[in-house]
């Protein structure tokens, strides 16, 4: 009989009640620590693997620990011959006490350093776009944390530009701490009335370079958009280039697409395909806003409204 895989959760973050379904729309799954520690264990258990959740560090076995959970453990953890520590790195740096690091962006993987890529889980309980909407192109959405949305897209000018084009801006934004989900708006799973997702972290070239084009971030919004059957307009991120069978392309939409939707790539549903990261990106004709997505680093906020 296989020994159980252990997933460490600090007592201060222990869920009560503990979720039993990894596809449940539980607000805690919006936190990295629970998305990795709880969801992974629940999915492995559903697949037949013995798993347990612990509030202490076992002396033996394979132990999975989120990078933030190390805050509750001693600064130095002595290695043991019968214990393997696996760190879910998340957005953070590798932990020196872990023998294996799990990264959420393929560009951060390095087997020579025992860093291995694992795609982030999709949004639990995801509700796909209503097929009855057909070719409608009316609702533009952002579903995520406020820290991951470009400041220009939070300004009244952006909403007003969309309204002039007959479009509705529908953001579902949370601004919680990494360890707090009690006050979360848990509608990140609902794409039923969404026609396109806009998720751009920055338009500023210096910010992009300083953050190394977000190589620490997962392409989760792209995965979720694929699974929901919704096109996604994304900023440059090195993790996106490793997804699907071809580099993601971004399209340029405008009011003629809205008025004559039939030929529009906006209305085309992304089709699943095999490849790194899963489904293929929804490809559109033209560009958004200038050239294919690597060039978007040079785009400034004033260009965004004109591009839609």
C-alpha atoms as a PDB file:
ATOM      1  CA  UNK A   1       0.000   0.000   0.000  1.00  0.00           C
ATOM      2  CA  UNK A   2       1.342   3.405  -0.969  1.00  0.00           C
ATOM      3  CA  UNK A   3       2.087   5.852   1.842  1.00  0.00           C
ATOM      4  CA  UNK A   4      -0.095   8.968   1.664  1.00  0.00           C
ATOM      5  CA  UNK A   5       1.028  12.133  -0.049  1.00  0.00           C
ATOM      6  CA  UNK A   6       1.008  14.881   2.561  1.00  0.00           C
ATOM      7  CA  UNK A   7      -0.171  18.440   1.882  1.00  0.00           C
ATOM      8  CA  UNK A   8       0.791  20.932   4.564  1.00  0.00           C
ATOM      9  CA  UNK A   9      -1.666  23.673   5.553  1.00  0.00           C
ATOM     10  CA  UNK A  10      -0.762  25.991   8.447  1.00  0.00           C
ATOM     11  CA  UNK A  11      -3.259  25.805  11.334  1.00  0.00           C
ATOM     12  CA  UNK A  12      -4.057  29.514  10.871  1.00  0.00           C
ATOM     13  CA  UNK A  13      -5.213  28.833   7.300  1.00  0.00           C
ATOM     14  CA  UNK A  14      -6.951  25.515   7.897  1.00  0.00           C
ATOM     15  CA  UNK A  15     -10.371  25.595   6.148  1.00  0.00           C
ATOM     16  CA  UNK A  16     -13.449  24.799   8.213  1.00  0.00           C
ATOM     17  CA  UNK A  17     -15.248  23.064   6.692  1.00  0.00           C
ATOM     18  CA  UNK A  18     -12.696  21.465   4.406  1.00  0.00           C
ATOM     19  CA  UNK A  19     -13.916  21.424   0.768  1.00  0.00           C
ATOM     20  CA  UNK A  20     -14.297  17.949  -0.715  1.00  0.00           C
ATOM     21  CA  UNK A  21     -14.784  18.788  -4.396  1.00  0.00           C
ATOM     22  CA  UNK A  22     -11.957  20.439  -6.409  1.00  0.00           C
ATOM     23  CA  UNK A  23     -14.505  21.825  -8.882  1.00  0.00           C
ATOM     24  CA  UNK A  24     -16.555  23.592  -6.204  1.00  0.00           C
ATOM     25  CA  UNK A  25     -16.849  27.363  -6.555  1.00  0.00           C
ATOM     26  CA  UNK A  26     -15.334  27.899  -3.107  1.00  0.00           C
ATOM     27  CA  UNK A  27     -13.841  31.347  -2.572  1.00  0.00           C
ATOM     28  CA  UNK A  28     -10.731  29.849  -0.953  1.00  0.00           C
ATOM     29  CA  UNK A  29      -9.637  28.352  -4.265  1.00  0.00           C
ATOM     30  CA  UNK A  30      -8.940  31.917  -5.408  1.00  0.00           C
ATOM     31  CA  UNK A  31      -5.970  31.951  -3.017  1.00  0.00           C
ATOM     32  CA  UNK A  32      -2.775  30.466  -4.390  1.00  0.00           C
ATOM     33  CA  UNK A  33      -2.119  28.443  -1.261  1.00  0.00           C
ATOM     34  CA  UNK A  34      -5.468  26.618  -1.485  1.00  0.00           C
ATOM     35  CA  UNK A  35      -5.547  26.446  -5.281  1.00  0.00           C
ATOM     36  CA  UNK A  36      -2.293  24.490  -5.171  1.00  0.00           C
ATOM     37  CA  UNK A  37      -2.431  22.621  -1.879  1.00  0.00           C
ATOM     38  CA  UNK A  38      -6.116  21.727  -1.626  1.00  0.00           C
ATOM     39  CA  UNK A  39      -7.062  21.411  -5.287  1.00  0.00           C
ATOM     40  CA  UNK A  40      -4.050  19.293  -6.187  1.00  0.00           C
ATOM     41  CA  UNK A  41      -4.623  16.922  -3.294  1.00  0.00           C
ATOM     42  CA  UNK A  42      -8.337  16.616  -3.983  1.00  0.00           C
ATOM     43  CA  UNK A  43      -7.748  15.870  -7.657  1.00  0.00           C
ATOM     44  CA  UNK A  44      -5.075  13.292  -6.862  1.00  0.00           C
ATOM     45  CA  UNK A  45      -7.384  11.662  -4.346  1.00  0.00           C
ATOM     46  CA  UNK A  46     -10.147  11.485  -6.957  1.00  0.00           C
ATOM     47  CA  UNK A  47      -7.633   9.758  -9.244  1.00  0.00           C
ATOM     48  CA  UNK A  48      -7.009   7.098  -6.615  1.00  0.00           C
ATOM     49  CA  UNK A  49      -3.886   8.386  -4.886  1.00  0.00           C
ATOM     50  CA  UNK A  50      -3.754   8.328  -1.084  1.00  0.00           C
ATOM     51  CA  UNK A  51      -3.608  11.927   0.152  1.00  0.00           C
ATOM     52  CA  UNK A  52      -3.767  13.607   3.517  1.00  0.00           C
ATOM     53  CA  UNK A  53      -3.720  17.197   4.744  1.00  0.00           C
ATOM     54  CA  UNK A  54      -1.544  17.942   7.737  1.00  0.00           C
ATOM     55  CA  UNK A  55      -0.995  20.922  10.040  1.00  0.00           C
ATOM     56  CA  UNK A  56       2.539  19.855  10.959  1.00  0.00           C
ATOM     57  CA  UNK A  57       5.600  18.731   9.035  1.00  0.00           C
ATOM     58  CA  UNK A  58       5.716  14.911   8.801  1.00  0.00           C
ATOM     59  CA  UNK A  59       9.057  13.232   9.457  1.00  0.00           C
ATOM     60  CA  UNK A  60       8.792  10.979   6.396  1.00  0.00           C
ATOM     61  CA  UNK A  61       7.134  10.816   3.000  1.00  0.00           C
ATOM     62  CA  UNK A  62       6.463  13.261   0.187  1.00  0.00           C
ATOM     63  CA  UNK A  63       5.270  16.576   1.580  1.00  0.00           C
ATOM     64  CA  UNK A  64       3.820  19.353  -0.594  1.00  0.00           C
ATOM     65  CA  UNK A  65       4.068  22.893   0.789  1.00  0.00           C
ATOM     66  CA  UNK A  66       3.003  26.171  -0.773  1.00  0.00           C
ATOM     67  CA  UNK A  67       5.746  28.792  -0.747  1.00  0.00           C
ATOM     68  CA  UNK A  68       3.726  31.074   1.525  1.00  0.00           C
ATOM     69  CA  UNK A  69       3.101  28.245   4.011  1.00  0.00           C
ATOM     70  CA  UNK A  70       6.814  28.141   4.838  1.00  0.00           C
ATOM     71  CA  UNK A  71       6.155  31.310   6.872  1.00  0.00           C
ATOM     72  CA  UNK A  72       4.766  29.053   9.612  1.00  0.00           C
ATOM     73  CA  UNK A  73       7.749  26.685   9.608  1.00  0.00           C
ATOM     74  CA  UNK A  74      11.279  27.061  11.010  1.00  0.00           C
ATOM     75  CA  UNK A  75      13.622  29.185   8.925  1.00  0.00           C
ATOM     76  CA  UNK A  76      15.869  26.164   8.423  1.00  0.00           C
ATOM     77  CA  UNK A  77      14.430  22.676   7.932  1.00  0.00           C
ATOM     78  CA  UNK A  78      17.025  19.941   8.212  1.00  0.00           C
ATOM     79  CA  UNK A  79      16.887  17.441   5.338  1.00  0.00           C
ATOM     80  CA  UNK A  80      15.847  13.895   6.176  1.00  0.00           C
ATOM     81  CA  UNK A  81      16.715  10.783   4.149  1.00  0.00           C
ATOM     82  CA  UNK A  82      13.089   9.573   4.081  1.00  0.00           C
ATOM     83  CA  UNK A  83      11.364  12.885   3.386  1.00  0.00           C
ATOM     84  CA  UNK A  84      10.988  14.861   0.153  1.00  0.00           C
ATOM     85  CA  UNK A  85       9.792  18.459   0.397  1.00  0.00           C
ATOM     86  CA  UNK A  86       8.040  19.765  -2.710  1.00  0.00           C
ATOM     87  CA  UNK A  87       7.411  23.508  -2.860  1.00  0.00           C
ATOM     88  CA  UNK A  88       4.501  24.954  -4.841  1.00  0.00           C
ATOM     89  CA  UNK A  89       6.387  28.105  -5.742  1.00  0.00           C
ATOM     90  CA  UNK A  90       3.452  30.193  -6.978  1.00  0.00           C
ATOM     91  CA  UNK A  91       4.392  33.807  -7.717  1.00  0.00           C
ATOM     92  CA  UNK A  92       7.373  33.685  -5.368  1.00  0.00           C
ATOM     93  CA  UNK A  93      11.022  32.660  -5.341  1.00  0.00           C
ATOM     94  CA  UNK A  94      12.151  29.046  -4.819  1.00  0.00           C
ATOM     95  CA  UNK A  95      12.430  27.931  -1.216  1.00  0.00           C
ATOM     96  CA  UNK A  96      15.932  26.732  -0.304  1.00  0.00           C
ATOM     97  CA  UNK A  97      14.659  24.037   2.084  1.00  0.00           C
ATOM     98  CA  UNK A  98      12.633  22.221  -0.585  1.00  0.00           C
ATOM     99  CA  UNK A  99      14.272  19.560  -2.737  1.00  0.00           C
ATOM    100  CA  UNK A 100      11.802  20.089  -5.621  1.00  0.00           C
ATOM    101  CA  UNK A 101      10.099  23.268  -6.841  1.00  0.00           C
ATOM    102  CA  UNK A 102       6.828  23.272  -8.816  1.00  0.00           C
ATOM    103  CA  UNK A 103       6.536  26.377 -11.023  1.00  0.00           C
ATOM    104  CA  UNK A 104       3.407  27.683 -12.732  1.00  0.00           C
ATOM    105  CA  UNK A 105       5.033  29.188 -15.819  1.00  0.00           C
ATOM    106  CA  UNK A 106       6.868  26.983 -18.345  1.00  0.00           C
ATOM    107  CA  UNK A 107       9.654  29.533 -18.799  1.00  0.00           C
ATOM    108  CA  UNK A 108      10.577  29.204 -15.110  1.00  0.00           C
ATOM    109  CA  UNK A 109      11.150  25.446 -15.342  1.00  0.00           C
ATOM    110  CA  UNK A 110      14.721  24.161 -15.072  1.00  0.00           C
ATOM    111  CA  UNK A 111      15.141  20.425 -14.432  1.00  0.00           C
ATOM    112  CA  UNK A 112      18.834  20.937 -13.665  1.00  0.00           C
ATOM    113  CA  UNK A 113      17.679  23.007 -10.660  1.00  0.00           C
ATOM    114  CA  UNK A 114      14.817  20.599  -9.841  1.00  0.00           C
ATOM    115  CA  UNK A 115      12.204  23.129 -10.965  1.00  0.00           C
ATOM    116  CA  UNK A 116       9.309  21.538 -12.836  1.00  0.00           C
ATOM    117  CA  UNK A 117       6.374  23.137 -14.608  1.00  0.00           C
ATOM    118  CA  UNK A 118       2.815  22.201 -13.731  1.00  0.00           C
ATOM    119  CA  UNK A 119      -0.090  24.147 -15.270  1.00  0.00           C
ATOM    120  CA  UNK A 120      -2.208  26.018 -12.766  1.00  0.00           C
ATOM    121  CA  UNK A 121      -5.644  24.497 -12.251  1.00  0.00           C
ATOM    122  CA  UNK A 122      -8.509  26.190 -14.129  1.00  0.00           C
ATOM    123  CA  UNK A 123     -11.106  28.207 -12.251  1.00  0.00           C
ATOM    124  CA  UNK A 124     -13.222  25.750 -10.218  1.00  0.00           C
ATOM    125  CA  UNK A 125     -16.896  25.563 -11.112  1.00  0.00           C
ATOM    126  CA  UNK A 126     -16.318  27.431 -14.376  1.00  0.00           C
ATOM    127  CA  UNK A 127     -19.543  28.343 -16.198  1.00  0.00           C
ATOM    128  CA  UNK A 128     -18.899  28.624 -19.975  1.00  0.00           C
ATOM    129  CA  UNK A 129     -20.299  31.336 -22.187  1.00  0.00           C
ATOM    130  CA  UNK A 130     -23.965  30.824 -23.009  1.00  0.00           C
ATOM    131  CA  UNK A 131     -24.119  29.412 -26.536  1.00  0.00           C
ATOM    132  CA  UNK A 132     -27.419  31.202 -26.986  1.00  0.00           C
ATOM    133  CA  UNK A 133     -25.502  34.478 -27.186  1.00  0.00           C
ATOM    134  CA  UNK A 134     -24.281  33.387 -30.593  1.00  0.00           C
ATOM    135  CA  UNK A 135     -22.463  36.227 -32.376  1.00  0.00           C
ATOM    136  CA  UNK A 136     -23.300  38.892 -29.809  1.00  0.00           C
ATOM    137  CA  UNK A 137     -20.337  41.091 -28.916  1.00  0.00           C
ATOM    138  CA  UNK A 138     -21.418  43.332 -26.069  1.00  0.00           C
ATOM    139  CA  UNK A 139     -19.787  42.414 -22.756  1.00  0.00           C
ATOM    140  CA  UNK A 140     -16.084  42.981 -22.056  1.00  0.00           C
ATOM    141  CA  UNK A 141     -14.907  41.483 -18.764  1.00  0.00           C
ATOM    142  CA  UNK A 142     -11.965  41.217 -16.421  1.00  0.00           C
ATOM    143  CA  UNK A 143     -12.124  38.509 -13.758  1.00  0.00           C
ATOM    144  CA  UNK A 144      -9.229  38.724 -11.343  1.00  0.00           C
ATOM    145  CA  UNK A 145      -7.258  40.568  -8.696  1.00  0.00           C
ATOM    146  CA  UNK A 146      -6.877  44.311  -9.026  1.00  0.00           C
ATOM    147  CA  UNK A 147      -3.090  44.037  -8.851  1.00  0.00           C
ATOM    148  CA  UNK A 148      -3.169  42.180 -12.176  1.00  0.00           C
ATOM    149  CA  UNK A 149      -5.038  44.838 -14.155  1.00  0.00           C
ATOM    150  CA  UNK A 150      -3.303  47.751 -15.883  1.00  0.00           C
ATOM    151  CA  UNK A 151      -4.170  51.062 -14.158  1.00  0.00           C
ATOM    152  CA  UNK A 152      -5.395  52.524 -17.457  1.00  0.00           C
ATOM    153  CA  UNK A 153      -8.155  49.904 -17.533  1.00  0.00           C
ATOM    154  CA  UNK A 154      -9.477  51.042 -14.162  1.00  0.00           C
ATOM    155  CA  UNK A 155     -10.035  54.637 -15.287  1.00  0.00           C
ATOM    156  CA  UNK A 156     -13.412  56.142 -16.310  1.00  0.00           C
ATOM    157  CA  UNK A 157     -11.958  56.885 -19.768  1.00  0.00           C
ATOM    158  CA  UNK A 158     -11.748  53.157 -20.522  1.00  0.00           C
ATOM    159  CA  UNK A 159     -15.358  52.479 -19.542  1.00  0.00           C
ATOM    160  CA  UNK A 160     -16.557  55.545 -21.455  1.00  0.00           C
ATOM    161  CA  UNK A 161     -14.688  54.469 -24.580  1.00  0.00           C
ATOM    162  CA  UNK A 162     -16.373  51.088 -24.465  1.00  0.00           C
ATOM    163  CA  UNK A 163     -19.779  52.658 -23.917  1.00  0.00           C
ATOM    164  CA  UNK A 164     -19.322  54.864 -26.995  1.00  0.00           C
ATOM    165  CA  UNK A 165     -18.758  51.662 -28.954  1.00  0.00           C
ATOM    166  CA  UNK A 166     -21.892  50.094 -27.517  1.00  0.00           C
ATOM    167  CA  UNK A 167     -19.929  47.783 -25.227  1.00  0.00           C
ATOM    168  CA  UNK A 168     -20.321  47.102 -21.512  1.00  0.00           C
ATOM    169  CA  UNK A 169     -17.335  46.850 -19.145  1.00  0.00           C
ATOM    170  CA  UNK A 170     -17.973  44.179 -16.509  1.00  0.00           C
ATOM    171  CA  UNK A 171     -15.018  43.771 -14.151  1.00  0.00           C
ATOM    172  CA  UNK A 172     -15.113  41.388 -11.196  1.00  0.00           C
ATOM    173  CA  UNK A 173     -12.160  42.661  -9.172  1.00  0.00           C
ATOM    174  CA  UNK A 174     -10.884  41.545  -5.783  1.00  0.00           C
ATOM    175  CA  UNK A 175      -8.220  43.318  -3.729  1.00  0.00           C
ATOM    176  CA  UNK A 176      -7.767  40.848  -0.897  1.00  0.00           C
ATOM    177  CA  UNK A 177      -4.547  39.842   0.855  1.00  0.00           C
ATOM    178  CA  UNK A 178      -2.951  36.578  -0.228  1.00  0.00           C
ATOM    179  CA  UNK A 179      -4.281  34.797   2.895  1.00  0.00           C
ATOM    180  CA  UNK A 180      -7.818  36.271   3.063  1.00  0.00           C
ATOM    181  CA  UNK A 181     -10.786  34.976   1.093  1.00  0.00           C
ATOM    182  CA  UNK A 182     -13.673  35.775   3.450  1.00  0.00           C
ATOM    183  CA  UNK A 183     -14.680  38.939   1.588  1.00  0.00           C
ATOM    184  CA  UNK A 184     -13.967  37.700  -1.936  1.00  0.00           C
ATOM    185  CA  UNK A 185     -16.401  38.196  -4.786  1.00  0.00           C
ATOM    186  CA  UNK A 186     -16.408  34.617  -6.057  1.00  0.00           C
ATOM    187  CA  UNK A 187     -17.916  35.281  -9.506  1.00  0.00           C
ATOM    188  CA  UNK A 188     -14.620  34.667 -11.291  1.00  0.00           C
ATOM    189  CA  UNK A 189     -16.111  31.412 -12.553  1.00  0.00           C
ATOM    190  CA  UNK A 190     -19.064  32.947 -14.411  1.00  0.00           C
ATOM    191  CA  UNK A 191     -18.491  33.528 -18.147  1.00  0.00           C
ATOM    192  CA  UNK A 192     -22.109  32.996 -19.223  1.00  0.00           C
ATOM    193  CA  UNK A 193     -22.667  36.579 -20.375  1.00  0.00           C
ATOM    194  CA  UNK A 194     -19.050  37.394 -21.292  1.00  0.00           C
ATOM    195  CA  UNK A 195     -18.170  37.989 -24.953  1.00  0.00           C
ATOM    196  CA  UNK A 196     -14.476  38.837 -24.596  1.00  0.00           C
ATOM    197  CA  UNK A 197     -11.979  38.958 -21.729  1.00  0.00           C
ATOM    198  CA  UNK A 198      -9.444  41.777 -21.408  1.00  0.00           C
ATOM    199  CA  UNK A 199      -6.575  40.980 -19.024  1.00  0.00           C
ATOM    200  CA  UNK A 200      -3.549  43.240 -19.443  1.00  0.00           C
ATOM    201  CA  UNK A 201      -1.200  43.742 -16.486  1.00  0.00           C
ATOM    202  CA  UNK A 202       0.723  46.689 -17.874  1.00  0.00           C
ATOM    203  CA  UNK A 203       1.209  48.802 -20.994  1.00  0.00           C
ATOM    204  CA  UNK A 204       4.430  50.352 -19.708  1.00  0.00           C
ATOM    205  CA  UNK A 205       7.616  48.903 -21.258  1.00  0.00           C
ATOM    206  CA  UNK A 206       9.689  49.661 -18.153  1.00  0.00           C
ATOM    207  CA  UNK A 207       7.203  47.887 -15.897  1.00  0.00           C
ATOM    208  CA  UNK A 208       7.141  44.895 -18.213  1.00  0.00           C
ATOM    209  CA  UNK A 209      10.920  44.651 -18.290  1.00  0.00           C
ATOM    210  CA  UNK A 210      11.204  45.154 -14.536  1.00  0.00           C
ATOM    211  CA  UNK A 211       8.793  42.256 -13.990  1.00  0.00           C
ATOM    212  CA  UNK A 212      10.600  40.145 -16.607  1.00  0.00           C
ATOM    213  CA  UNK A 213       7.401  39.988 -18.641  1.00  0.00           C
ATOM    214  CA  UNK A 214       5.698  38.230 -15.739  1.00  0.00           C
ATOM    215  CA  UNK A 215       7.565  34.964 -16.067  1.00  0.00           C
ATOM    216  CA  UNK A 216       6.447  34.151 -12.514  1.00  0.00           C
ATOM    217  CA  UNK A 217       2.756  34.373 -13.445  1.00  0.00           C
ATOM    218  CA  UNK A 218       0.634  31.501 -14.788  1.00  0.00           C
ATOM    219  CA  UNK A 219      -1.375  31.867 -18.015  1.00  0.00           C
ATOM    220  CA  UNK A 220      -4.527  30.969 -16.064  1.00  0.00           C
ATOM    221  CA  UNK A 221      -6.729  33.637 -17.613  1.00  0.00           C
ATOM    222  CA  UNK A 222      -5.923  32.193 -21.016  1.00  0.00           C
ATOM    223  CA  UNK A 223      -6.786  28.649 -19.868  1.00  0.00           C
ATOM    224  CA  UNK A 224     -10.059  29.837 -18.358  1.00  0.00           C
ATOM    225  CA  UNK A 225     -11.022  31.787 -21.472  1.00  0.00           C
ATOM    226  CA  UNK A 226     -10.364  28.736 -23.669  1.00  0.00           C
ATOM    227  CA  UNK A 227     -12.455  26.510 -21.451  1.00  0.00           C
ATOM    228  CA  UNK A 228     -15.248  29.088 -21.289  1.00  0.00           C
ATOM    229  CA  UNK A 229     -15.341  29.507 -25.085  1.00  0.00           C
ATOM    230  CA  UNK A 230     -14.430  33.197 -24.840  1.00  0.00           C
ATOM    231  CA  UNK A 231     -11.670  35.065 -26.731  1.00  0.00           C
ATOM    232  CA  UNK A 232      -9.040  36.750 -24.577  1.00  0.00           C
ATOM    233  CA  UNK A 233      -7.142  39.992 -25.142  1.00  0.00           C
ATOM    234  CA  UNK A 234      -3.952  39.680 -23.133  1.00  0.00           C
ATOM    235  CA  UNK A 235      -0.810  41.677 -22.594  1.00  0.00           C
ATOM    236  CA  UNK A 236       2.664  40.325 -23.222  1.00  0.00           C
ATOM    237  CA  UNK A 237       3.659  37.515 -20.909  1.00  0.00           C
ATOM    238  CA  UNK A 238       6.396  35.021 -21.571  1.00  0.00           C
ATOM    239  CA  UNK A 239       4.283  32.164 -20.219  1.00  0.00           C
ATOM    240  CA  UNK A 240       1.722  32.607 -22.992  1.00  0.00           C
ATOM    241  CA  UNK A 241       4.179  31.623 -25.714  1.00  0.00           C
ATOM    242  CA  UNK A 242       4.379  28.104 -24.294  1.00  0.00           C
ATOM    243  CA  UNK A 243       0.636  27.491 -24.541  1.00  0.00           C
ATOM    244  CA  UNK A 244      -1.152  25.640 -27.284  1.00  0.00           C
ATOM    245  CA  UNK A 245       0.105  24.596 -30.690  1.00  0.00           C
ATOM    246  CA  UNK A 246       1.072  28.084 -31.796  1.00  0.00           C
ATOM    247  CA  UNK A 247       1.883  31.400 -30.102  1.00  0.00           C
ATOM    248  CA  UNK A 248      -1.322  33.154 -29.072  1.00  0.00           C
ATOM    249  CA  UNK A 249      -2.450  35.876 -31.419  1.00  0.00           C
ATOM    250  CA  UNK A 250      -4.437  38.893 -30.405  1.00  0.00           C
ATOM    251  CA  UNK A 251      -6.975  40.452 -32.659  1.00  0.00           C
ATOM    252  CA  UNK A 252      -8.203  43.935 -33.355  1.00  0.00           C
ATOM    253  CA  UNK A 253     -11.945  44.362 -32.890  1.00  0.00           C
ATOM    254  CA  UNK A 254     -13.961  47.465 -33.685  1.00  0.00           C
ATOM    255  CA  UNK A 255     -17.532  48.611 -34.070  1.00  0.00           C
ATOM    256  CA  UNK A 256     -17.891  46.994 -37.501  1.00  0.00           C
ATOM    257  CA  UNK A 257     -17.290  43.643 -35.823  1.00  0.00           C
ATOM    258  CA  UNK A 258     -20.124  44.420 -33.452  1.00  0.00           C
ATOM    259  CA  UNK A 259     -22.488  45.537 -36.221  1.00  0.00           C
ATOM    260  CA  UNK A 260     -21.569  42.724 -38.659  1.00  0.00           C
ATOM    261  CA  UNK A 261     -20.583  39.880 -36.359  1.00  0.00           C
ATOM    262  CA  UNK A 262     -20.759  36.878 -38.667  1.00  0.00           C
ATOM    263  CA  UNK A 263     -17.214  37.016 -40.090  1.00  0.00           C
ATOM    264  CA  UNK A 264     -15.708  38.214 -36.830  1.00  0.00           C
ATOM    265  CA  UNK A 265     -13.075  36.074 -35.122  1.00  0.00           C
ATOM    266  CA  UNK A 266     -14.403  37.529 -31.879  1.00  0.00           C
ATOM    267  CA  UNK A 267     -17.447  35.276 -32.225  1.00  0.00           C
ATOM    268  CA  UNK A 268     -15.444  32.154 -32.963  1.00  0.00           C
ATOM    269  CA  UNK A 269     -15.077  29.801 -30.032  1.00  0.00           C
ATOM    270  CA  UNK A 270     -11.566  28.647 -29.157  1.00  0.00           C
ATOM    271  CA  UNK A 271     -11.230  25.005 -30.159  1.00  0.00           C
ATOM    272  CA  UNK A 272      -9.479  22.506 -27.876  1.00  0.00           C
ATOM    273  CA  UNK A 273      -6.226  21.011 -29.083  1.00  0.00           C
ATOM    274  CA  UNK A 274      -3.325  19.226 -27.571  1.00  0.00           C
ATOM    275  CA  UNK A 275      -0.094  20.997 -26.803  1.00  0.00           C
ATOM    276  CA  UNK A 276       1.803  22.557 -23.965  1.00  0.00           C
ATOM    277  CA  UNK A 277      -0.739  23.990 -21.613  1.00  0.00           C
ATOM    278  CA  UNK A 278      -3.768  22.473 -23.326  1.00  0.00           C
ATOM    279  CA  UNK A 279      -6.182  24.082 -25.780  1.00  0.00           C
ATOM    280  CA  UNK A 280      -5.158  26.181 -28.737  1.00  0.00           C
ATOM    281  CA  UNK A 281      -5.413  29.945 -28.561  1.00  0.00           C
ATOM    282  CA  UNK A 282      -8.243  31.706 -30.341  1.00  0.00           C
ATOM    283  CA  UNK A 283      -6.570  33.238 -33.354  1.00  0.00           C
ATOM    284  CA  UNK A 284      -7.932  36.343 -34.980  1.00  0.00           C
ATOM    285  CA  UNK A 285      -7.123  38.206 -38.136  1.00  0.00           C
ATOM    286  CA  UNK A 286      -5.305  41.480 -37.927  1.00  0.00           C
ATOM    287  CA  UNK A 287      -3.556  42.643 -34.801  1.00  0.00           C
ATOM    288  CA  UNK A 288      -4.230  44.188 -31.420  1.00  0.00           C
ATOM    289  CA  UNK A 289      -3.334  46.908 -31.042  1.00  0.00           C
ATOM    290  CA  UNK A 290      -0.118  46.907 -33.136  1.00  0.00           C
ATOM    291  CA  UNK A 291       1.261  43.680 -34.482  1.00  0.00           C
ATOM    292  CA  UNK A 292       1.106  40.343 -32.737  1.00  0.00           C
ATOM    293  CA  UNK A 293       1.252  40.199 -28.978  1.00  0.00           C
ATOM    294  CA  UNK A 294       5.034  40.657 -28.394  1.00  0.00           C
ATOM    295  CA  UNK A 295       4.726  44.149 -29.831  1.00  0.00           C
ATOM    296  CA  UNK A 296       2.051  45.047 -27.326  1.00  0.00           C
ATOM    297  CA  UNK A 297       4.782  46.012 -24.857  1.00  0.00           C
ATOM    298  CA  UNK A 298       5.130  49.257 -26.798  1.00  0.00           C
ATOM    299  CA  UNK A 299       1.413  50.089 -26.675  1.00  0.00           C
ATOM    300  CA  UNK A 300       0.287  52.902 -24.422  1.00  0.00           C
ATOM    301  CA  UNK A 301      -3.135  53.256 -22.784  1.00  0.00           C
ATOM    302  CA  UNK A 302      -4.378  55.854 -25.271  1.00  0.00           C
ATOM    303  CA  UNK A 303      -4.237  53.195 -27.972  1.00  0.00           C
ATOM    304  CA  UNK A 304      -6.524  50.747 -26.224  1.00  0.00           C
ATOM    305  CA  UNK A 305      -9.847  52.404 -26.908  1.00  0.00           C
ATOM    306  CA  UNK A 306      -9.014  52.937 -30.570  1.00  0.00           C
ATOM    307  CA  UNK A 307      -8.050  49.307 -30.927  1.00  0.00           C
ATOM    308  CA  UNK A 308     -11.387  47.907 -29.836  1.00  0.00           C
END
